[in-house]
Amino acid sequence: MRIDVHTHIWPERIAGTVLDSMVHDMGLDAVGVNTVEGVKAHMRESGVDKSVVLGVVERPDQVKRANDWLISIQDDMLVPFGAIHPELEDKADEVRRLRENGIKGIKLHPVMNSFYADDPRMFPVYEELGDDMTLEIHSGRFPNDSPDDPLYAAPERIMNIVRQFPRLKIIALHLGGMYMLDEAERVLLGQENVLVDTTWPPSLREVAAETLTAIFNKHGSHKVCFGTDFPLASQVTDSDYILGLPFSDAEKEGILGENARALIGL
């Protein structure tokens, strides 16, 4: 089974506006349309069986409305992860509501929502996730961050969560540290109880094959999950790159889907 653990789509009425903003802010081109049908069309072309759709919101008042929509789009191809904002008052209650409606995890974006990943305000969320839901969390910087910007999602802060909540199932996104691979290598790679994904827009090919192979070997290929950041990167391009790396067929199948299937429970 092939699974992309990192995609973004929105309701059709706002998808175009959101995509324009993403393309402008990130300085990247879109490879597809960021709607339900858009990601499914891309999946069919790429041979991807399931995509995890990650909920992201800018304000706490958007959380429940976004999650209602994510709950509604669950099917055999799409696995939505709910959105949680640090300023939401009933964060743990919202995690419970997601679980009761079949949602298998949440996405947190410390950089976008301006909070430190190991902020004690988030501890009730981590506790409520338990060992049956999965946390996907942005790790690292944005490409256009300045040196003086706060490091809300530094790999060390992700590891603080791992240490404090050892039962929690965590995927640290962007190879454990977007534009912070040196710190990810020092404090996160090779650690237990945390997986990483391969998301590196506009393409995983931005990371040299030798570097990527070393990352997979240090962390353990069984703790790596395929992710793209669709619509900002192509599932077929990135999966083909992984297939060309010097790993066994079983290891590649794990990275491209089986590791995520086992972790998330798909």
C-alpha atoms as a PDB file:
ATOM      1  CA  MET A   1       0.000   0.000   0.000  1.00  0.00           C
ATOM      2  CA  ARG A   2       1.305   3.458  -0.910  1.00  0.00           C
ATOM      3  CA  ILE A   3       0.463   6.255   1.537  1.00  0.00           C
ATOM      4  CA  ASP A   4       1.295   9.973   1.432  1.00  0.00           C
ATOM      5  CA  VAL A   5       1.174  11.209   5.039  1.00  0.00           C
ATOM      6  CA  HIS A   6       1.366  14.912   4.187  1.00  0.00           C
ATOM      7  CA  THR A   7      -1.173  16.589   1.905  1.00  0.00           C
ATOM      8  CA  HIS A   8      -3.314  19.727   2.103  1.00  0.00           C
ATOM      9  CA  ILE A   9      -6.724  20.362   0.571  1.00  0.00           C
ATOM     10  CA  TRP A  10      -9.616  22.730   1.303  1.00  0.00           C
ATOM     11  CA  PRO A  11     -13.312  23.086   0.477  1.00  0.00           C
ATOM     12  CA  GLU A  12     -13.831  24.170  -3.101  1.00  0.00           C
ATOM     13  CA  ARG A  13     -15.242  27.573  -2.138  1.00  0.00           C
ATOM     14  CA  ILE A  14     -11.907  28.671  -0.619  1.00  0.00           C
ATOM     15  CA  ALA A  15      -9.380  26.318  -2.255  1.00  0.00           C
ATOM     16  CA  GLY A  16      -8.360  28.743  -4.993  1.00  0.00           C
ATOM     17  CA  THR A  17      -7.739  31.609  -2.593  1.00  0.00           C
ATOM     18  CA  VAL A  18      -5.757  29.401  -0.222  1.00  0.00           C
ATOM     19  CA  LEU A  19      -3.662  27.994  -3.062  1.00  0.00           C
ATOM     20  CA  ASP A  20      -2.819  31.466  -4.359  1.00  0.00           C
ATOM     21  CA  SER A  21      -1.695  32.426  -0.851  1.00  0.00           C
ATOM     22  CA  MET A  22       0.397  29.257  -0.441  1.00  0.00           C
ATOM     23  CA  VAL A  23       2.120  29.739  -3.785  1.00  0.00           C
ATOM     24  CA  HIS A  24       2.843  33.390  -2.996  1.00  0.00           C
ATOM     25  CA  ASP A  25       4.048  32.857   0.574  1.00  0.00           C
ATOM     26  CA  MET A  26       6.213  29.822  -0.158  1.00  0.00           C
ATOM     27  CA  GLY A  27       7.444  30.950  -3.572  1.00  0.00           C
ATOM     28  CA  LEU A  28       6.548  27.547  -5.049  1.00  0.00           C
ATOM     29  CA  ASP A  29       4.383  26.386  -7.934  1.00  0.00           C
ATOM     30  CA  ALA A  30       1.434  24.048  -7.416  1.00  0.00           C
ATOM     31  CA  VAL A  31       1.486  20.598  -9.036  1.00  0.00           C
ATOM     32  CA  GLY A  32      -2.266  20.027  -8.698  1.00  0.00           C
ATOM     33  CA  VAL A  33      -5.556  21.382  -7.439  1.00  0.00           C
ATOM     34  CA  ASN A  34      -5.987  21.530  -3.647  1.00  0.00           C
ATOM     35  CA  THR A  35      -9.493  20.049  -3.497  1.00  0.00           C
ATOM     36  CA  VAL A  36     -10.895  16.590  -2.759  1.00  0.00           C
ATOM     37  CA  GLU A  37     -11.150  15.739  -6.434  1.00  0.00           C
ATOM     38  CA  GLY A  38      -7.830  17.409  -7.184  1.00  0.00           C
ATOM     39  CA  VAL A  39      -5.825  15.293  -4.764  1.00  0.00           C
ATOM     40  CA  LYS A  40      -7.664  12.126  -5.800  1.00  0.00           C
ATOM     41  CA  ALA A  41      -6.834  12.764  -9.450  1.00  0.00           C
ATOM     42  CA  HIS A  42      -3.181  13.266  -8.524  1.00  0.00           C
ATOM     43  CA  MET A  43      -3.214  10.086  -6.429  1.00  0.00           C
ATOM     44  CA  ARG A  44      -4.576   8.036  -9.305  1.00  0.00           C
ATOM     45  CA  GLU A  45      -1.840   9.345 -11.594  1.00  0.00           C
ATOM     46  CA  SER A  46       0.810   8.616  -8.953  1.00  0.00           C
ATOM     47  CA  GLY A  47      -0.333   5.193  -7.756  1.00  0.00           C
ATOM     48  CA  VAL A  48      -0.966   6.424  -4.201  1.00  0.00           C
ATOM     49  CA  ASP A  49      -3.684   4.502  -2.358  1.00  0.00           C
ATOM     50  CA  LYS A  50      -4.277   6.803   0.613  1.00  0.00           C
ATOM     51  CA  SER A  51      -3.427  10.405   1.435  1.00  0.00           C
ATOM     52  CA  VAL A  52      -3.415  11.847   4.925  1.00  0.00           C
ATOM     53  CA  VAL A  53      -5.060  15.276   4.678  1.00  0.00           C
ATOM     54  CA  LEU A  54      -3.693  17.623   7.337  1.00  0.00           C
ATOM     55  CA  GLY A  55      -5.921  20.235   8.911  1.00  0.00           C
ATOM     56  CA  VAL A  56      -4.385  23.694   9.341  1.00  0.00           C
ATOM     57  CA  VAL A  57      -6.097  26.843  10.648  1.00  0.00           C
ATOM     58  CA  GLU A  58      -4.923  30.374  11.376  1.00  0.00           C
ATOM     59  CA  ARG A  59      -7.379  31.177  14.189  1.00  0.00           C
ATOM     60  CA  PRO A  60      -8.992  29.206  17.034  1.00  0.00           C
ATOM     61  CA  ASP A  61     -12.510  30.082  15.873  1.00  0.00           C
ATOM     62  CA  GLN A  62     -11.834  28.182  12.638  1.00  0.00           C
ATOM     63  CA  VAL A  63     -11.001  24.864  14.318  1.00  0.00           C
ATOM     64  CA  LYS A  64     -14.406  23.247  14.703  1.00  0.00           C
ATOM     65  CA  ARG A  65     -15.660  24.306  11.294  1.00  0.00           C
ATOM     66  CA  ALA A  66     -12.483  22.978   9.650  1.00  0.00           C
ATOM     67  CA  ASN A  67     -12.716  19.722  11.574  1.00  0.00           C
ATOM     68  CA  ASP A  68     -16.379  19.255  10.662  1.00  0.00           C
ATOM     69  CA  TRP A  69     -15.368  19.402   7.008  1.00  0.00           C
ATOM     70  CA  LEU A  70     -12.423  17.048   7.529  1.00  0.00           C
ATOM     71  CA  ILE A  71     -14.698  14.551   9.286  1.00  0.00           C
ATOM     72  CA  SER A  72     -17.081  14.712   6.324  1.00  0.00           C
ATOM     73  CA  ILE A  73     -14.495  13.827   3.642  1.00  0.00           C
ATOM     74  CA  GLN A  74     -13.232  10.561   5.167  1.00  0.00           C
ATOM     75  CA  ASP A  75     -13.295   7.683   2.676  1.00  0.00           C
ATOM     76  CA  ASP A  76     -11.141   4.863   1.312  1.00  0.00           C
ATOM     77  CA  MET A  77      -8.669   7.309  -0.252  1.00  0.00           C
ATOM     78  CA  LEU A  78      -8.541  10.217   2.207  1.00  0.00           C
ATOM     79  CA  VAL A  79      -7.455  10.011   5.859  1.00  0.00           C
ATOM     80  CA  PRO A  80      -8.055  13.443   7.431  1.00  0.00           C
ATOM     81  CA  PHE A  81      -6.094  14.583  10.477  1.00  0.00           C
ATOM     82  CA  GLY A  82      -7.787  17.255  12.545  1.00  0.00           C
ATOM     83  CA  ALA A  83      -6.684  20.814  13.210  1.00  0.00           C
ATOM     84  CA  ILE A  84      -5.935  22.123  16.709  1.00  0.00           C
ATOM     85  CA  HIS A  85      -4.990  25.713  17.572  1.00  0.00           C
ATOM     86  CA  PRO A  86      -3.060  26.544  20.772  1.00  0.00           C
ATOM     87  CA  GLU A  87      -5.551  29.255  21.728  1.00  0.00           C
ATOM     88  CA  LEU A  88      -8.571  26.972  21.500  1.00  0.00           C
ATOM     89  CA  GLU A  89     -10.047  26.696  24.983  1.00  0.00           C
ATOM     90  CA  ASP A  90     -11.271  23.087  24.847  1.00  0.00           C
ATOM     91  CA  LYS A  91      -8.357  21.505  22.986  1.00  0.00           C
ATOM     92  CA  ALA A  92      -8.538  18.091  24.656  1.00  0.00           C
ATOM     93  CA  ASP A  93     -12.310  17.990  24.174  1.00  0.00           C
ATOM     94  CA  GLU A  94     -11.832  18.664  20.476  1.00  0.00           C
ATOM     95  CA  VAL A  95      -9.328  15.804  20.223  1.00  0.00           C
ATOM     96  CA  ARG A  96     -11.902  13.524  21.844  1.00  0.00           C
ATOM     97  CA  ARG A  97     -14.553  14.717  19.399  1.00  0.00           C
ATOM     98  CA  LEU A  98     -12.252  13.938  16.494  1.00  0.00           C
ATOM     99  CA  ARG A  99     -11.580  10.440  17.834  1.00  0.00           C
ATOM    100  CA  GLU A 100     -15.301   9.783  18.288  1.00  0.00           C
ATOM    101  CA  ASN A 101     -15.844  10.726  14.646  1.00  0.00           C
ATOM    102  CA  GLY A 102     -13.229   8.347  13.269  1.00  0.00           C
ATOM    103  CA  ILE A 103     -10.288  10.757  12.926  1.00  0.00           C
ATOM    104  CA  LYS A 104      -6.961   9.030  13.539  1.00  0.00           C
ATOM    105  CA  GLY A 105      -4.707  11.979  14.323  1.00  0.00           C
ATOM    106  CA  ILE A 106      -4.052  15.701  14.326  1.00  0.00           C
ATOM    107  CA  LYS A 107      -1.637  18.144  12.702  1.00  0.00           C
ATOM    108  CA  LEU A 108       0.109  20.909  14.634  1.00  0.00           C
ATOM    109  CA  HIS A 109       1.962  23.785  13.005  1.00  0.00           C
ATOM    110  CA  PRO A 110       3.950  25.706  15.632  1.00  0.00           C
ATOM    111  CA  VAL A 111       5.474  28.087  13.064  1.00  0.00           C
ATOM    112  CA  MET A 112       2.188  29.090  11.461  1.00  0.00           C
ATOM    113  CA  ASN A 113       0.393  29.377  14.798  1.00  0.00           C
ATOM    114  CA  SER A 114       3.311  30.979  16.700  1.00  0.00           C
ATOM    115  CA  PHE A 115       3.691  28.624  19.655  1.00  0.00           C
ATOM    116  CA  TYR A 116       6.544  26.493  20.908  1.00  0.00           C
ATOM    117  CA  ALA A 117       5.979  22.808  20.261  1.00  0.00           C
ATOM    118  CA  ASP A 118       6.737  21.930  23.902  1.00  0.00           C
ATOM    119  CA  ASP A 119       4.532  24.679  25.358  1.00  0.00           C
ATOM    120  CA  PRO A 120       2.754  23.262  28.446  1.00  0.00           C
ATOM    121  CA  ARG A 121      -0.521  24.618  27.044  1.00  0.00           C
ATOM    122  CA  MET A 122      -0.351  21.747  24.568  1.00  0.00           C
ATOM    123  CA  PHE A 123       0.234  19.008  27.133  1.00  0.00           C
ATOM    124  CA  PRO A 124      -3.509  18.203  27.497  1.00  0.00           C
ATOM    125  CA  VAL A 125      -3.582  17.613  23.741  1.00  0.00           C
ATOM    126  CA  TYR A 126      -0.623  15.240  23.863  1.00  0.00           C
ATOM    127  CA  GLU A 127      -2.113  13.401  26.812  1.00  0.00           C
ATOM    128  CA  GLU A 128      -5.493  13.044  25.112  1.00  0.00           C
ATOM    129  CA  LEU A 129      -3.932  11.667  21.920  1.00  0.00           C
ATOM    130  CA  GLY A 130      -2.749   8.718  24.001  1.00  0.00           C
ATOM    131  CA  ASP A 131      -1.343   5.802  22.043  1.00  0.00           C
ATOM    132  CA  ASP A 132      -4.214   5.365  19.580  1.00  0.00           C
ATOM    133  CA  MET A 133      -4.024   8.668  17.691  1.00  0.00           C
ATOM    134  CA  THR A 134      -1.065  10.070  15.757  1.00  0.00           C
ATOM    135  CA  LEU A 135       0.478  13.536  15.976  1.00  0.00           C
ATOM    136  CA  GLU A 136       2.012  15.022  12.848  1.00  0.00           C
ATOM    137  CA  ILE A 137       3.952  18.162  13.714  1.00  0.00           C
ATOM    138  CA  HIS A 138       5.940  20.625  11.643  1.00  0.00           C
ATOM    139  CA  SER A 139       9.612  20.453  12.552  1.00  0.00           C
ATOM    140  CA  GLY A 140      12.133  23.112  11.546  1.00  0.00           C
ATOM    141  CA  ARG A 141      11.894  26.492   9.846  1.00  0.00           C
ATOM    142  CA  PHE A 142      10.191  27.990   6.822  1.00  0.00           C
ATOM    143  CA  PRO A 143      12.449  28.650   3.813  1.00  0.00           C
ATOM    144  CA  ASN A 144      11.850  32.410   4.042  1.00  0.00           C
ATOM    145  CA  ASP A 145      12.371  32.740   7.825  1.00  0.00           C
ATOM    146  CA  SER A 146      14.919  35.297   8.994  1.00  0.00           C
ATOM    147  CA  PRO A 147      17.726  34.357  11.425  1.00  0.00           C
ATOM    148  CA  ASP A 148      15.979  36.352  14.165  1.00  0.00           C
ATOM    149  CA  ASP A 149      12.628  34.562  13.892  1.00  0.00           C
ATOM    150  CA  PRO A 150      11.675  32.380  16.894  1.00  0.00           C
ATOM    151  CA  LEU A 151      12.442  28.677  16.450  1.00  0.00           C
ATOM    152  CA  TYR A 152       8.972  27.492  17.443  1.00  0.00           C
ATOM    153  CA  ALA A 153       9.449  24.003  15.990  1.00  0.00           C
ATOM    154  CA  ALA A 154      13.144  23.337  16.485  1.00  0.00           C
ATOM    155  CA  PRO A 155      13.930  19.585  16.506  1.00  0.00           C
ATOM    156  CA  GLU A 156      14.979  19.842  20.178  1.00  0.00           C
ATOM    157  CA  ARG A 157      11.476  21.039  21.089  1.00  0.00           C
ATOM    158  CA  ILE A 158       9.963  18.106  19.211  1.00  0.00           C
ATOM    159  CA  MET A 159      12.241  15.778  21.164  1.00  0.00           C
ATOM    160  CA  ASN A 160      11.063  17.374  24.416  1.00  0.00           C
ATOM    161  CA  ILE A 161       7.564  16.155  23.514  1.00  0.00           C
ATOM    162  CA  VAL A 162       8.872  12.671  22.681  1.00  0.00           C
ATOM    163  CA  ARG A 163      10.674  12.438  26.026  1.00  0.00           C
ATOM    164  CA  GLN A 164       7.742  13.709  28.057  1.00  0.00           C
ATOM    165  CA  PHE A 165       5.068  11.644  26.281  1.00  0.00           C
ATOM    166  CA  PRO A 166       6.760   8.333  25.381  1.00  0.00           C
ATOM    167  CA  ARG A 167       3.452   6.623  24.459  1.00  0.00           C
ATOM    168  CA  LEU A 168       2.605   9.284  21.887  1.00  0.00           C
ATOM    169  CA  LYS A 169       2.853   8.335  18.209  1.00  0.00           C
ATOM    170  CA  ILE A 170       4.676  11.230  16.522  1.00  0.00           C
ATOM    171  CA  ILE A 171       5.728  11.991  12.959  1.00  0.00           C
ATOM    172  CA  ALA A 172       8.191  14.902  12.880  1.00  0.00           C
ATOM    173  CA  LEU A 173       7.661  16.375   9.449  1.00  0.00           C
ATOM    174  CA  HIS A 174      10.244  17.529   6.886  1.00  0.00           C
ATOM    175  CA  LEU A 175      12.907  14.900   7.663  1.00  0.00           C
ATOM    176  CA  GLY A 176      12.761  15.948  11.304  1.00  0.00           C
ATOM    177  CA  GLY A 177      13.875  19.533  10.649  1.00  0.00           C
ATOM    178  CA  MET A 178      13.070  21.664   7.614  1.00  0.00           C
ATOM    179  CA  TYR A 179      16.202  23.717   6.893  1.00  0.00           C
ATOM    180  CA  MET A 180      17.502  22.485  10.253  1.00  0.00           C
ATOM    181  CA  LEU A 181      18.869  19.087   9.272  1.00  0.00           C
ATOM    182  CA  ASP A 182      22.071  19.535  11.304  1.00  0.00           C
ATOM    183  CA  GLU A 183      20.093  19.969  14.528  1.00  0.00           C
ATOM    184  CA  ALA A 184      17.728  17.158  13.544  1.00  0.00           C
ATOM    185  CA  GLU A 185      20.741  14.888  13.124  1.00  0.00           C
ATOM    186  CA  ARG A 186      22.120  15.873  16.532  1.00  0.00           C
ATOM    187  CA  VAL A 187      18.978  15.560  18.637  1.00  0.00           C
ATOM    188  CA  LEU A 188      16.255  13.642  16.788  1.00  0.00           C
ATOM    189  CA  LEU A 189      17.528  11.240  14.157  1.00  0.00           C
ATOM    190  CA  GLY A 190      18.120   7.781  15.555  1.00  0.00           C
ATOM    191  CA  GLN A 191      15.851   8.343  18.553  1.00  0.00           C
ATOM    192  CA  GLU A 192      13.052   5.940  19.416  1.00  0.00           C
ATOM    193  CA  ASN A 193       9.333   6.768  19.556  1.00  0.00           C
ATOM    194  CA  VAL A 194       9.440   9.284  16.708  1.00  0.00           C
ATOM    195  CA  LEU A 195       9.105   8.894  12.959  1.00  0.00           C
ATOM    196  CA  VAL A 196       9.979  11.418  10.252  1.00  0.00           C
ATOM    197  CA  ASP A 197       8.415  12.089   6.873  1.00  0.00           C
ATOM    198  CA  THR A 198      10.057  12.882   3.537  1.00  0.00           C
ATOM    199  CA  THR A 199       8.290  16.166   2.782  1.00  0.00           C
ATOM    200  CA  TRP A 200      10.700  18.720   1.263  1.00  0.00           C
ATOM    201  CA  PRO A 201       8.909  20.979  -1.236  1.00  0.00           C
ATOM    202  CA  PRO A 202       9.211  21.718  -4.073  1.00  0.00           C
ATOM    203  CA  SER A 203      10.781  18.256  -4.377  1.00  0.00           C
ATOM    204  CA  LEU A 204      12.618  15.731  -2.256  1.00  0.00           C
ATOM    205  CA  ARG A 205      15.256  15.877  -4.994  1.00  0.00           C
ATOM    206  CA  GLU A 206      16.396  19.131  -3.346  1.00  0.00           C
ATOM    207  CA  VAL A 207      18.084  16.818  -0.812  1.00  0.00           C
ATOM    208  CA  ALA A 208      21.058  14.988  -2.324  1.00  0.00           C
ATOM    209  CA  ALA A 209      20.615  11.229  -2.589  1.00  0.00           C
ATOM    210  CA  GLU A 210      23.702  10.640  -0.422  1.00  0.00           C
ATOM    211  CA  THR A 211      22.346  12.924   2.294  1.00  0.00           C
ATOM    212  CA  LEU A 212      18.902  11.364   2.161  1.00  0.00           C
ATOM    213  CA  THR A 213      20.342   7.860   2.333  1.00  0.00           C
ATOM    214  CA  ALA A 214      22.419   8.831   5.369  1.00  0.00           C
ATOM    215  CA  ILE A 215      19.328  10.283   7.092  1.00  0.00           C
ATOM    216  CA  PHE A 216      17.312   7.118   6.462  1.00  0.00           C
ATOM    217  CA  ASN A 217      20.155   4.922   7.674  1.00  0.00           C
ATOM    218  CA  LYS A 218      20.745   6.922  10.850  1.00  0.00           C
ATOM    219  CA  HIS A 219      17.089   7.136  11.805  1.00  0.00           C
ATOM    220  CA  GLY A 220      16.143   3.679  10.543  1.00  0.00           C
ATOM    221  CA  SER A 221      14.187   3.220   7.330  1.00  0.00           C
ATOM    222  CA  HIS A 222      11.388   1.582   9.354  1.00  0.00           C
ATOM    223  CA  LYS A 223      10.760   4.974  10.996  1.00  0.00           C
ATOM    224  CA  VAL A 224      10.440   6.989   7.770  1.00  0.00           C
ATOM    225  CA  CYS A 225       7.121   7.803   6.061  1.00  0.00           C
ATOM    226  CA  PHE A 226       6.504   9.093   2.554  1.00  0.00           C
ATOM    227  CA  GLY A 227       5.107  12.638   2.466  1.00  0.00           C
ATOM    228  CA  THR A 228       4.991  15.357  -0.160  1.00  0.00           C
ATOM    229  CA  ASP A 229       3.129  18.533   0.922  1.00  0.00           C
ATOM    230  CA  PHE A 230       0.769  18.214  -2.056  1.00  0.00           C
ATOM    231  CA  PRO A 231      -0.192  20.485  -3.829  1.00  0.00           C
ATOM    232  CA  LEU A 232       3.329  21.930  -3.506  1.00  0.00           C
ATOM    233  CA  ALA A 233       5.146  18.728  -4.507  1.00  0.00           C
ATOM    234  CA  SER A 234       4.448  15.736  -6.736  1.00  0.00           C
ATOM    235  CA  GLN A 235       3.712  12.289  -5.345  1.00  0.00           C
ATOM    236  CA  VAL A 236       5.094  10.557  -8.431  1.00  0.00           C
ATOM    237  CA  THR A 237       8.312  12.606  -8.579  1.00  0.00           C
ATOM    238  CA  ASP A 238       9.148  12.129  -4.915  1.00  0.00           C
ATOM    239  CA  SER A 239       8.211   8.440  -4.793  1.00  0.00           C
ATOM    240  CA  ASP A 240      10.323   7.750  -7.883  1.00  0.00           C
ATOM    241  CA  TYR A 241      13.272   9.425  -6.159  1.00  0.00           C
ATOM    242  CA  ILE A 242      12.857   7.167  -3.128  1.00  0.00           C
ATOM    243  CA  LEU A 243      12.639   4.091  -5.352  1.00  0.00           C
ATOM    244  CA  GLY A 244      16.052   4.974  -6.755  1.00  0.00           C
ATOM    245  CA  LEU A 245      17.775   5.004  -3.362  1.00  0.00           C
ATOM    246  CA  PRO A 246      20.024   2.074  -2.288  1.00  0.00           C
ATOM    247  CA  PHE A 247      17.537   0.283  -0.038  1.00  0.00           C
ATOM    248  CA  SER A 248      15.902  -3.118  -0.296  1.00  0.00           C
ATOM    249  CA  ASP A 249      12.480  -3.485  -1.886  1.00  0.00           C
ATOM    250  CA  ALA A 250      11.015  -4.205   1.547  1.00  0.00           C
ATOM    251  CA  GLU A 251      12.554  -1.072   3.024  1.00  0.00           C
ATOM    252  CA  LYS A 252      11.253   1.051   0.139  1.00  0.00           C
ATOM    253  CA  GLU A 253       7.771  -0.400   0.523  1.00  0.00           C
ATOM    254  CA  GLY A 254       7.945   0.447   4.215  1.00  0.00           C
ATOM    255  CA  ILE A 255       8.912   4.048   3.527  1.00  0.00           C
ATOM    256  CA  LEU A 256       6.321   4.466   0.769  1.00  0.00           C
ATOM    257  CA  GLY A 257       3.409   3.188   2.809  1.00  0.00           C
ATOM    258  CA  GLU A 258       3.738   0.247   5.162  1.00  0.00           C
ATOM    259  CA  ASN A 259       5.421   2.204   7.973  1.00  0.00           C
ATOM    260  CA  ALA A 260       2.563   4.723   7.978  1.00  0.00           C
ATOM    261  CA  ARG A 261      -0.084   2.018   7.661  1.00  0.00           C
ATOM    262  CA  ALA A 262       1.219   0.274  10.767  1.00  0.00           C
ATOM    263  CA  LEU A 263       1.683   3.464  12.793  1.00  0.00           C
ATOM    264  CA  ILE A 264      -1.651   5.127  11.992  1.00  0.00           C
ATOM    265  CA  GLY A 265      -3.659   1.894  11.806  1.00  0.00           C
ATOM    266  CA  LEU A 266      -4.885   1.928   8.219  1.00  0.00           C
END
